Amino acid sequence: MGHFDEAEQLFQDCVISEKKIMEQLRAVGAKATMDHEIRLANAYNNLAGIQCCQKRYGDAGLHNMLSLELKQRWSERPNVKNLIGLSYSNLGNLHGRQGHWDVSAEYFEKALALGQSENLVLRRALTAHNYGCMRLAQGEVELARQLLTKAYQLRSEKLGDRSETAGTLHMLSLCHLDLNQMENAK
């Protein structure tokens, strides 16, 4: 069994465990709490991430949507918008990997809007980074440069010289390299 298979089994076990807890609550006439549903949503998110890496996009999409649905039930509670933004970003990444650029962009825009409304600086930075990487893969180098510049600015201010900041700077340098090559080709 490979590492992805082991991870998938672990996350499937988490989903099963959380569902069992919720079934036991229902059996005694109790309702699942926000914590129960958010733990299940997070387990779905983790499972979807592994499935996306395995290029099992249908399964990943299903589990990302199940996660989003659970989170949206609690959208008015503190800190849940951050989790909803994470689901939107995951869906953006999923669709970007499949070349569904417009759908991917819609999800990233939703994630950025939530991050802005909640002043979630590091979430916005991560979303802008991932969105910029998607735009670079699409060949939209100037859009990628703008998004990665924003991600770099946010990460530099909040994190300083850390690996996340360096990763964004690396992707930004690829944009500038592509832009220079495009300019020289003219």
N, C-alpha and C. Protein backbone atom coordinates (compact mmCIF):
# COMPACT_ATOMS: atom_id res chain seq x y z
N MET A 1 0.85 -1.18 0.00
CA MET A 1 0.00 0.00 0.00
C MET A 1 0.89 1.24 0.00
N GLY A 2 0.66 2.18 -0.92
CA GLY A 2 1.45 3.39 -1.01
C GLY A 2 0.99 4.44 -0.02
N HIS A 3 1.73 5.53 0.04
CA HIS A 3 1.42 6.61 0.99
C HIS A 3 0.05 7.23 0.73
N PHE A 4 -0.29 7.43 -0.55
CA PHE A 4 -1.61 7.99 -0.86
C PHE A 4 -2.71 7.04 -0.42
N ASP A 5 -2.50 5.75 -0.66
CA ASP A 5 -3.51 4.77 -0.26
C ASP A 5 -3.68 4.75 1.26
N GLU A 6 -2.56 4.83 1.97
CA GLU A 6 -2.62 4.85 3.44
C GLU A 6 -3.35 6.10 3.93
N ALA A 7 -3.02 7.24 3.32
CA ALA A 7 -3.67 8.49 3.71
C ALA A 7 -5.16 8.45 3.40
N GLU A 8 -5.49 7.92 2.23
CA GLU A 8 -6.91 7.84 1.86
C GLU A 8 -7.65 6.95 2.85
N GLN A 9 -7.07 5.83 3.22
CA GLN A 9 -7.71 4.94 4.19
C GLN A 9 -7.90 5.64 5.54
N LEU A 10 -6.90 6.37 5.96
CA LEU A 10 -6.98 7.12 7.21
C LEU A 10 -8.13 8.11 7.17
N PHE A 11 -8.24 8.87 6.08
CA PHE A 11 -9.29 9.87 5.98
C PHE A 11 -10.67 9.23 5.79
N GLN A 12 -10.73 8.11 5.08
CA GLN A 12 -12.00 7.39 4.99
C GLN A 12 -12.43 6.91 6.37
N ASP A 13 -11.48 6.43 7.16
CA ASP A 13 -11.78 6.00 8.53
C ASP A 13 -12.29 7.17 9.36
N CYS A 14 -11.72 8.34 9.17
CA CYS A 14 -12.20 9.54 9.87
C CYS A 14 -13.63 9.87 9.49
N VAL A 15 -13.94 9.79 8.19
CA VAL A 15 -15.31 10.05 7.74
C VAL A 15 -16.27 9.05 8.38
N ILE A 16 -15.91 7.77 8.34
CA ILE A 16 -16.76 6.72 8.91
C ILE A 16 -16.96 6.95 10.40
N SER A 17 -15.90 7.28 11.10
CA SER A 17 -15.97 7.52 12.54
C SER A 17 -16.90 8.69 12.86
N GLU A 18 -16.75 9.79 12.14
CA GLU A 18 -17.60 10.96 12.39
C GLU A 18 -19.06 10.67 12.05
N LYS A 19 -19.30 9.92 10.99
CA LYS A 19 -20.67 9.55 10.63
C LYS A 19 -21.30 8.66 11.71
N LYS A 20 -20.51 7.73 12.26
CA LYS A 20 -21.00 6.86 13.33
C LYS A 20 -21.41 7.66 14.55
N ILE A 21 -20.61 8.63 14.91
CA ILE A 21 -20.94 9.48 16.06
C ILE A 21 -22.26 10.19 15.82
N MET A 22 -22.44 10.71 14.61
CA MET A 22 -23.68 11.42 14.29
C MET A 22 -24.87 10.47 14.28
N GLU A 23 -24.68 9.25 13.79
CA GLU A 23 -25.75 8.25 13.82
C GLU A 23 -26.13 7.88 15.25
N GLN A 24 -25.13 7.75 16.12
CA GLN A 24 -25.40 7.44 17.52
C GLN A 24 -26.18 8.56 18.19
N LEU A 25 -25.85 9.78 17.87
CA LEU A 25 -26.60 10.91 18.41
C LEU A 25 -28.06 10.87 17.96
N ARG A 26 -28.25 10.62 16.66
CA ARG A 26 -29.63 10.55 16.13
C ARG A 26 -30.41 9.41 16.77
N ALA A 27 -29.73 8.30 17.05
CA ALA A 27 -30.39 7.12 17.64
C ALA A 27 -30.95 7.42 19.03
N VAL A 28 -30.34 8.36 19.74
CA VAL A 28 -30.84 8.71 21.07
C VAL A 28 -31.64 10.02 21.05
N GLY A 29 -31.98 10.47 19.85
CA GLY A 29 -32.81 11.67 19.70
C GLY A 29 -32.07 12.98 19.84
N ALA A 30 -30.74 12.94 19.79
CA ALA A 30 -29.95 14.17 19.89
C ALA A 30 -29.55 14.63 18.49
N LYS A 31 -29.28 15.91 18.38
CA LYS A 31 -28.83 16.47 17.11
C LYS A 31 -27.32 16.61 17.12
N ALA A 32 -26.76 16.51 15.95
CA ALA A 32 -25.32 16.76 15.80
C ALA A 32 -25.06 18.24 16.05
N THR A 33 -23.97 18.53 16.70
CA THR A 33 -23.59 19.91 16.94
C THR A 33 -22.77 20.44 15.78
N MET A 34 -22.49 21.72 15.83
CA MET A 34 -21.63 22.32 14.82
C MET A 34 -20.28 21.62 14.81
N ASP A 35 -19.72 21.35 15.97
CA ASP A 35 -18.41 20.69 16.04
C ASP A 35 -18.42 19.34 15.34
N HIS A 36 -19.50 18.58 15.54
CA HIS A 36 -19.60 17.27 14.87
C HIS A 36 -19.60 17.43 13.36
N GLU A 37 -20.43 18.35 12.88
CA GLU A 37 -20.55 18.53 11.44
C GLU A 37 -19.28 19.13 10.82
N ILE A 38 -18.62 20.01 11.54
CA ILE A 38 -17.39 20.61 11.01
C ILE A 38 -16.28 19.55 10.98
N ARG A 39 -16.22 18.68 11.98
CA ARG A 39 -15.22 17.60 11.94
C ARG A 39 -15.46 16.68 10.74
N LEU A 40 -16.73 16.37 10.47
CA LEU A 40 -17.05 15.56 9.29
C LEU A 40 -16.68 16.31 8.02
N ALA A 41 -17.00 17.59 7.97
CA ALA A 41 -16.66 18.40 6.79
C ALA A 41 -15.15 18.42 6.57
N ASN A 42 -14.38 18.56 7.63
CA ASN A 42 -12.93 18.57 7.50
C ASN A 42 -12.41 17.21 7.05
N ALA A 43 -13.02 16.14 7.53
CA ALA A 43 -12.63 14.79 7.08
C ALA A 43 -12.90 14.63 5.58
N TYR A 44 -14.06 15.14 5.12
CA TYR A 44 -14.36 15.12 3.68
C TYR A 44 -13.32 15.92 2.89
N ASN A 45 -12.97 17.11 3.42
CA ASN A 45 -11.96 17.94 2.76
C ASN A 45 -10.64 17.20 2.60
N ASN A 46 -10.19 16.56 3.68
CA ASN A 46 -8.92 15.83 3.64
C ASN A 46 -8.98 14.67 2.66
N LEU A 47 -10.09 13.95 2.66
CA LEU A 47 -10.27 12.85 1.73
C LEU A 47 -10.24 13.37 0.29
N ALA A 48 -10.90 14.48 0.05
CA ALA A 48 -10.93 15.07 -1.29
C ALA A 48 -9.53 15.48 -1.75
N GLY A 49 -8.73 15.99 -0.82
CA GLY A 49 -7.37 16.40 -1.17
C GLY A 49 -6.54 15.23 -1.68
N ILE A 50 -6.65 14.10 -1.00
CA ILE A 50 -5.92 12.90 -1.43
C ILE A 50 -6.45 12.42 -2.78
N GLN A 51 -7.76 12.42 -2.94
CA GLN A 51 -8.35 11.97 -4.21
C GLN A 51 -7.97 12.89 -5.36
N CYS A 52 -7.84 14.16 -5.09
CA CYS A 52 -7.40 15.10 -6.13
C CYS A 52 -5.96 14.78 -6.55
N CYS A 53 -5.10 14.50 -5.57
CA CYS A 53 -3.71 14.12 -5.87
C CYS A 53 -3.65 12.84 -6.71
N GLN A 54 -4.62 11.96 -6.49
CA GLN A 54 -4.69 10.70 -7.24
C GLN A 54 -5.39 10.88 -8.59
N LYS A 55 -5.78 12.10 -8.90
CA LYS A 55 -6.51 12.44 -10.13
C LYS A 55 -7.86 11.75 -10.20
N ARG A 56 -8.45 11.51 -9.06
CA ARG A 56 -9.81 10.97 -8.97
C ARG A 56 -10.73 12.17 -8.73
N TYR A 57 -10.87 12.95 -9.78
CA TYR A 57 -11.53 14.24 -9.66
C TYR A 57 -13.02 14.15 -9.35
N GLY A 58 -13.69 13.14 -9.84
CA GLY A 58 -15.11 12.98 -9.53
C GLY A 58 -15.33 12.76 -8.04
N ASP A 59 -14.55 11.85 -7.45
CA ASP A 59 -14.65 11.59 -6.01
C ASP A 59 -14.26 12.83 -5.22
N ALA A 60 -13.19 13.49 -5.63
CA ALA A 60 -12.74 14.69 -4.93
C ALA A 60 -13.81 15.78 -4.98
N GLY A 61 -14.43 15.96 -6.12
CA GLY A 61 -15.49 16.96 -6.26
C GLY A 61 -16.66 16.66 -5.35
N LEU A 62 -17.07 15.40 -5.32
CA LEU A 62 -18.17 14.99 -4.45
C LEU A 62 -17.86 15.30 -2.99
N HIS A 63 -16.68 14.91 -2.53
CA HIS A 63 -16.34 15.10 -1.12
C HIS A 63 -16.11 16.58 -0.78
N ASN A 64 -15.58 17.36 -1.73
CA ASN A 64 -15.47 18.80 -1.49
C ASN A 64 -16.85 19.44 -1.38
N MET A 65 -17.79 19.02 -2.20
CA MET A 65 -19.14 19.59 -2.14
C MET A 65 -19.86 19.18 -0.85
N LEU A 66 -19.68 17.93 -0.42
CA LEU A 66 -20.27 17.50 0.86
C LEU A 66 -19.71 18.34 2.01
N SER A 67 -18.42 18.59 1.97
CA SER A 67 -17.78 19.42 2.99
C SER A 67 -18.36 20.83 2.98
N LEU A 68 -18.45 21.41 1.80
CA LEU A 68 -18.97 22.78 1.67
C LEU A 68 -20.41 22.86 2.19
N GLU A 69 -21.22 21.89 1.84
CA GLU A 69 -22.62 21.88 2.28
C GLU A 69 -22.73 21.86 3.81
N LEU A 70 -21.93 21.03 4.44
CA LEU A 70 -21.95 20.97 5.91
C LEU A 70 -21.50 22.30 6.52
N LYS A 71 -20.48 22.88 5.98
CA LYS A 71 -19.97 24.16 6.51
C LYS A 71 -20.98 25.28 6.32
N GLN A 72 -21.67 25.27 5.19
CA GLN A 72 -22.61 26.36 4.91
C GLN A 72 -23.79 26.36 5.88
N ARG A 73 -24.09 25.22 6.48
CA ARG A 73 -25.16 25.18 7.49
C ARG A 73 -24.84 26.07 8.69
N TRP A 74 -23.56 26.30 8.92
CA TRP A 74 -23.10 27.04 10.09
C TRP A 74 -22.44 28.36 9.69
N SER A 75 -22.78 28.87 8.53
CA SER A 75 -22.06 30.02 7.96
C SER A 75 -22.14 31.29 8.81
N GLU A 76 -23.13 31.41 9.65
CA GLU A 76 -23.26 32.62 10.46
C GLU A 76 -22.48 32.54 11.76
N ARG A 77 -21.88 31.42 12.04
CA ARG A 77 -21.11 31.25 13.27
C ARG A 77 -19.68 31.79 13.07
N PRO A 78 -19.06 32.24 14.16
CA PRO A 78 -17.69 32.77 14.05
C PRO A 78 -16.73 31.72 13.50
N ASN A 79 -15.81 32.16 12.68
CA ASN A 79 -14.72 31.35 12.12
C ASN A 79 -15.14 30.34 11.06
N VAL A 80 -16.42 30.19 10.80
CA VAL A 80 -16.83 29.21 9.80
C VAL A 80 -16.62 29.74 8.39
N LYS A 81 -16.70 31.04 8.20
CA LYS A 81 -16.46 31.60 6.86
C LYS A 81 -15.04 31.27 6.39
N ASN A 82 -14.10 31.24 7.31
CA ASN A 82 -12.74 30.83 6.98
C ASN A 82 -12.74 29.41 6.41
N LEU A 83 -13.50 28.52 7.02
CA LEU A 83 -13.58 27.13 6.56
C LEU A 83 -14.31 27.03 5.22
N ILE A 84 -15.33 27.85 5.03
CA ILE A 84 -16.04 27.88 3.75
C ILE A 84 -15.08 28.37 2.66
N GLY A 85 -14.30 29.39 2.98
CA GLY A 85 -13.30 29.88 2.03
C GLY A 85 -12.30 28.80 1.64
N LEU A 86 -11.92 27.98 2.61
CA LEU A 86 -11.03 26.85 2.33
C LEU A 86 -11.68 25.89 1.34
N SER A 87 -12.96 25.61 1.52
CA SER A 87 -13.66 24.72 0.58
C SER A 87 -13.71 25.33 -0.81
N TYR A 88 -13.98 26.63 -0.89
CA TYR A 88 -13.99 27.28 -2.20
C TYR A 88 -12.61 27.18 -2.86
N SER A 89 -11.57 27.40 -2.07
CA SER A 89 -10.21 27.28 -2.62
C SER A 89 -9.92 25.86 -3.10
N ASN A 90 -10.34 24.89 -2.31
CA ASN A 90 -10.14 23.49 -2.71
C ASN A 90 -10.85 23.19 -4.02
N LEU A 91 -12.06 23.70 -4.15
CA LEU A 91 -12.80 23.49 -5.40
C LEU A 91 -12.13 24.24 -6.55
N GLY A 92 -11.58 25.42 -6.28
CA GLY A 92 -10.82 26.14 -7.30
C GLY A 92 -9.62 25.34 -7.76
N ASN A 93 -8.88 24.77 -6.80
CA ASN A 93 -7.72 23.93 -7.14
C ASN A 93 -8.15 22.71 -7.95
N LEU A 94 -9.22 22.07 -7.52
CA LEU A 94 -9.73 20.87 -8.20
C LEU A 94 -10.06 21.18 -9.66
N HIS A 95 -10.80 22.23 -9.89
CA HIS A 95 -11.19 22.56 -11.26
C HIS A 95 -10.01 23.07 -12.08
N GLY A 96 -9.08 23.77 -11.44
CA GLY A 96 -7.88 24.22 -12.14
C GLY A 96 -7.04 23.05 -12.62
N ARG A 97 -6.91 22.02 -11.80
CA ARG A 97 -6.14 20.84 -12.20
C ARG A 97 -6.75 20.15 -13.42
N GLN A 98 -8.05 20.33 -13.60
CA GLN A 98 -8.73 19.70 -14.73
C GLN A 98 -8.81 20.62 -15.93
N GLY A 99 -8.28 21.84 -15.79
CA GLY A 99 -8.33 22.79 -16.90
C GLY A 99 -9.66 23.49 -17.05
N HIS A 100 -10.51 23.42 -16.04
CA HIS A 100 -11.79 24.13 -16.05
C HIS A 100 -11.55 25.54 -15.48
N TRP A 101 -10.90 26.37 -16.28
CA TRP A 101 -10.39 27.64 -15.81
C TRP A 101 -11.47 28.58 -15.29
N ASP A 102 -12.58 28.70 -16.01
CA ASP A 102 -13.62 29.64 -15.59
C ASP A 102 -14.28 29.21 -14.28
N VAL A 103 -14.56 27.92 -14.15
CA VAL A 103 -15.16 27.41 -12.91
C VAL A 103 -14.17 27.58 -11.76
N SER A 104 -12.91 27.26 -12.02
CA SER A 104 -11.88 27.43 -11.02
C SER A 104 -11.82 28.88 -10.54
N ALA A 105 -11.81 29.81 -11.48
CA ALA A 105 -11.74 31.24 -11.15
C ALA A 105 -12.93 31.66 -10.30
N GLU A 106 -14.12 31.15 -10.60
CA GLU A 106 -15.32 31.50 -9.82
C GLU A 106 -15.14 31.09 -8.36
N TYR A 107 -14.64 29.89 -8.13
CA TYR A 107 -14.44 29.45 -6.75
C TYR A 107 -13.35 30.26 -6.04
N PHE A 108 -12.27 30.55 -6.75
CA PHE A 108 -11.23 31.37 -6.13
C PHE A 108 -11.73 32.77 -5.80
N GLU A 109 -12.54 33.34 -6.69
CA GLU A 109 -13.10 34.68 -6.43
C GLU A 109 -14.00 34.65 -5.19
N LYS A 110 -14.79 33.59 -5.03
CA LYS A 110 -15.63 33.46 -3.83
C LYS A 110 -14.76 33.37 -2.58
N ALA A 111 -13.69 32.60 -2.66
CA ALA A 111 -12.79 32.46 -1.51
C ALA A 111 -12.14 33.79 -1.16
N LEU A 112 -11.70 34.53 -2.18
CA LEU A 112 -11.08 35.83 -1.92
C LEU A 112 -12.08 36.81 -1.31
N ALA A 113 -13.31 36.79 -1.80
CA ALA A 113 -14.34 37.69 -1.26
C ALA A 113 -14.61 37.39 0.21
N LEU A 114 -14.70 36.12 0.56
CA LEU A 114 -14.90 35.75 1.97
C LEU A 114 -13.71 36.18 2.81
N GLY A 115 -12.52 35.96 2.32
CA GLY A 115 -11.32 36.35 3.04
C GLY A 115 -11.26 37.85 3.27
N GLN A 116 -11.71 38.62 2.29
CA GLN A 116 -11.72 40.07 2.41
C GLN A 116 -12.76 40.50 3.43
N SER A 117 -13.95 39.93 3.35
CA SER A 117 -15.03 40.35 4.25
C SER A 117 -14.73 40.00 5.70
N GLU A 118 -13.98 38.97 5.92
CA GLU A 118 -13.67 38.53 7.28
C GLU A 118 -12.27 38.98 7.73
N ASN A 119 -11.59 39.72 6.86
CA ASN A 119 -10.23 40.18 7.15
C ASN A 119 -9.30 39.02 7.51
N LEU A 120 -9.39 37.96 6.74
CA LEU A 120 -8.56 36.77 6.95
C LEU A 120 -7.33 36.87 6.06
N VAL A 121 -6.32 37.57 6.54
CA VAL A 121 -5.16 37.93 5.73
C VAL A 121 -4.42 36.70 5.21
N LEU A 122 -4.11 35.75 6.07
CA LEU A 122 -3.35 34.59 5.63
C LEU A 122 -4.18 33.69 4.71
N ARG A 123 -5.48 33.61 4.92
CA ARG A 123 -6.34 32.84 4.02
C ARG A 123 -6.35 33.51 2.65
N ARG A 124 -6.45 34.84 2.63
CA ARG A 124 -6.41 35.57 1.35
C ARG A 124 -5.09 35.35 0.65
N ALA A 125 -4.01 35.35 1.41
CA ALA A 125 -2.68 35.14 0.81
C ALA A 125 -2.59 33.76 0.19
N LEU A 126 -3.05 32.74 0.90
CA LEU A 126 -3.02 31.37 0.36
C LEU A 126 -3.90 31.26 -0.87
N THR A 127 -5.08 31.85 -0.81
CA THR A 127 -5.99 31.79 -1.95
C THR A 127 -5.41 32.52 -3.15
N ALA A 128 -4.84 33.70 -2.92
CA ALA A 128 -4.23 34.45 -4.03
C ALA A 128 -3.06 33.67 -4.62
N HIS A 129 -2.28 33.00 -3.77
CA HIS A 129 -1.17 32.17 -4.26
C HIS A 129 -1.70 31.04 -5.15
N ASN A 130 -2.67 30.29 -4.65
CA ASN A 130 -3.21 29.16 -5.42
C ASN A 130 -3.90 29.63 -6.70
N TYR A 131 -4.63 30.72 -6.61
CA TYR A 131 -5.31 31.29 -7.77
C TYR A 131 -4.26 31.75 -8.80
N GLY A 132 -3.20 32.37 -8.32
CA GLY A 132 -2.12 32.79 -9.22
C GLY A 132 -1.46 31.61 -9.91
N CYS A 133 -1.25 30.53 -9.16
CA CYS A 133 -0.66 29.32 -9.77
C CYS A 133 -1.59 28.75 -10.83
N MET A 134 -2.90 28.78 -10.57
CA MET A 134 -3.86 28.29 -11.57
C MET A 134 -3.79 29.16 -12.82
N ARG A 135 -3.75 30.48 -12.65
CA ARG A 135 -3.69 31.39 -13.80
C ARG A 135 -2.39 31.19 -14.58
N LEU A 136 -1.30 30.94 -13.88
CA LEU A 136 -0.03 30.68 -14.56
C LEU A 136 -0.13 29.39 -15.39
N ALA A 137 -0.72 28.35 -14.81
CA ALA A 137 -0.90 27.09 -15.55
C ALA A 137 -1.79 27.30 -16.77
N GLN A 138 -2.73 28.22 -16.65
CA GLN A 138 -3.64 28.53 -17.75
C GLN A 138 -2.94 29.34 -18.84
N GLY A 139 -1.82 29.96 -18.50
CA GLY A 139 -1.12 30.81 -19.46
C GLY A 139 -1.48 32.28 -19.33
N GLU A 140 -2.27 32.61 -18.32
CA GLU A 140 -2.65 34.00 -18.05
C GLU A 140 -1.59 34.61 -17.13
N VAL A 141 -0.42 34.88 -17.71
CA VAL A 141 0.76 35.24 -16.92
C VAL A 141 0.58 36.58 -16.19
N GLU A 142 0.01 37.57 -16.84
CA GLU A 142 -0.16 38.87 -16.18
C GLU A 142 -1.13 38.76 -15.00
N LEU A 143 -2.23 38.05 -15.17
CA LEU A 143 -3.15 37.83 -14.04
C LEU A 143 -2.45 37.07 -12.92
N ALA A 144 -1.68 36.06 -13.29
CA ALA A 144 -0.93 35.29 -12.30
C ALA A 144 0.04 36.21 -11.55
N ARG A 145 0.72 37.08 -12.28
CA ARG A 145 1.67 38.00 -11.64
C ARG A 145 0.97 38.90 -10.63
N GLN A 146 -0.19 39.42 -10.99
CA GLN A 146 -0.93 40.30 -10.08
C GLN A 146 -1.35 39.55 -8.81
N LEU A 147 -1.87 38.35 -8.98
CA LEU A 147 -2.32 37.56 -7.82
C LEU A 147 -1.14 37.15 -6.94
N LEU A 148 -0.07 36.71 -7.56
CA LEU A 148 1.10 36.28 -6.78
C LEU A 148 1.78 37.46 -6.10
N THR A 149 1.74 38.63 -6.73
CA THR A 149 2.28 39.83 -6.08
C THR A 149 1.48 40.14 -4.82
N LYS A 150 0.17 40.06 -4.91
CA LYS A 150 -0.68 40.29 -3.74
C LYS A 150 -0.39 39.25 -2.66
N ALA A 151 -0.28 38.00 -3.04
CA ALA A 151 0.02 36.94 -2.07
C ALA A 151 1.36 37.20 -1.41
N TYR A 152 2.35 37.59 -2.19
CA TYR A 152 3.68 37.86 -1.64
C TYR A 152 3.63 39.03 -0.66
N GLN A 153 2.93 40.09 -1.01
CA GLN A 153 2.82 41.24 -0.12
C GLN A 153 2.18 40.84 1.21
N LEU A 154 1.07 40.12 1.13
CA LEU A 154 0.37 39.70 2.36
C LEU A 154 1.24 38.78 3.21
N ARG A 155 1.87 37.82 2.56
CA ARG A 155 2.70 36.87 3.31
C ARG A 155 3.92 37.56 3.90
N SER A 156 4.53 38.46 3.16
CA SER A 156 5.71 39.18 3.67
C SER A 156 5.35 39.97 4.92
N GLU A 157 4.19 40.65 4.88
CA GLU A 157 3.76 41.46 6.01
C GLU A 157 3.44 40.61 7.24
N LYS A 158 2.78 39.50 7.03
CA LYS A 158 2.30 38.68 8.16
C LYS A 158 3.29 37.60 8.60
N LEU A 159 4.02 37.04 7.65
CA LEU A 159 4.88 35.89 7.97
C LEU A 159 6.37 36.20 7.92
N GLY A 160 6.74 37.19 7.15
CA GLY A 160 8.17 37.48 6.98
C GLY A 160 8.82 36.41 6.10
N ASP A 161 10.06 36.11 6.39
CA ASP A 161 10.85 35.17 5.58
C ASP A 161 10.58 33.73 6.01
N ARG A 162 9.50 33.19 5.51
CA ARG A 162 9.17 31.79 5.79
C ARG A 162 9.00 31.06 4.47
N SER A 163 8.88 29.76 4.55
CA SER A 163 8.82 28.95 3.33
C SER A 163 7.62 29.31 2.46
N GLU A 164 6.49 29.66 3.07
CA GLU A 164 5.31 30.04 2.29
C GLU A 164 5.59 31.29 1.45
N THR A 165 6.26 32.26 2.08
CA THR A 165 6.62 33.49 1.38
C THR A 165 7.60 33.19 0.25
N ALA A 166 8.57 32.35 0.53
CA ALA A 166 9.56 31.99 -0.49
C ALA A 166 8.90 31.24 -1.65
N GLY A 167 7.94 30.37 -1.35
CA GLY A 167 7.23 29.65 -2.41
C GLY A 167 6.48 30.60 -3.34
N THR A 168 5.84 31.60 -2.75
CA THR A 168 5.13 32.59 -3.56
C THR A 168 6.12 33.40 -4.39
N LEU A 169 7.22 33.78 -3.78
CA LEU A 169 8.25 34.54 -4.51
C LEU A 169 8.80 33.73 -5.68
N HIS A 170 8.97 32.44 -5.49
CA HIS A 170 9.44 31.57 -6.57
C HIS A 170 8.44 31.58 -7.74
N MET A 171 7.16 31.41 -7.43
CA MET A 171 6.15 31.41 -8.49
C MET A 171 6.08 32.78 -9.18
N LEU A 172 6.25 33.83 -8.41
CA LEU A 172 6.26 35.18 -8.97
C LEU A 172 7.45 35.36 -9.91
N SER A 173 8.58 34.78 -9.56
CA SER A 173 9.75 34.87 -10.45
C SER A 173 9.49 34.13 -11.75
N LEU A 174 8.75 33.03 -11.71
CA LEU A 174 8.39 32.32 -12.94
C LEU A 174 7.51 33.19 -13.84
N CYS A 175 6.62 33.96 -13.22
CA CYS A 175 5.79 34.88 -14.00
C CYS A 175 6.65 35.90 -14.72
N HIS A 176 7.60 36.48 -13.98
CA HIS A 176 8.46 37.50 -14.59
C HIS A 176 9.33 36.89 -15.69
N LEU A 177 9.78 35.69 -15.49
CA LEU A 177 10.55 34.99 -16.52
C LEU A 177 9.69 34.81 -17.78
N ASP A 178 8.45 34.33 -17.60
CA ASP A 178 7.54 34.16 -18.74
C ASP A 178 7.24 35.49 -19.42
N LEU A 179 7.01 36.54 -18.63
CA LEU A 179 6.72 37.85 -19.20
C LEU A 179 7.92 38.37 -19.99
N ASN A 180 9.13 38.17 -19.47
CA ASN A 180 10.33 38.59 -20.20
C ASN A 180 10.48 37.82 -21.51
N GLN A 181 10.23 36.53 -21.48
CA GLN A 181 10.32 35.73 -22.70
C GLN A 181 9.28 36.16 -23.72
N MET A 182 8.08 36.48 -23.25
CA MET A 182 7.03 36.96 -24.16
C MET A 182 7.42 38.30 -24.76
N GLU A 183 8.02 39.18 -23.97
CA GLU A 183 8.44 40.49 -24.44
C GLU A 183 9.57 40.35 -25.46
N ASN A 184 10.52 39.46 -25.21
CA ASN A 184 11.63 39.25 -26.14
C ASN A 184 11.19 38.61 -27.44
N ALA A 185 10.10 37.86 -27.40
CA ALA A 185 9.60 37.19 -28.60
C ALA A 185 8.92 38.17 -29.55
N LYS A 186 8.57 39.35 -29.05
CA LYS A 186 7.86 40.33 -29.90
C LYS A 186 8.74 40.97 -30.90
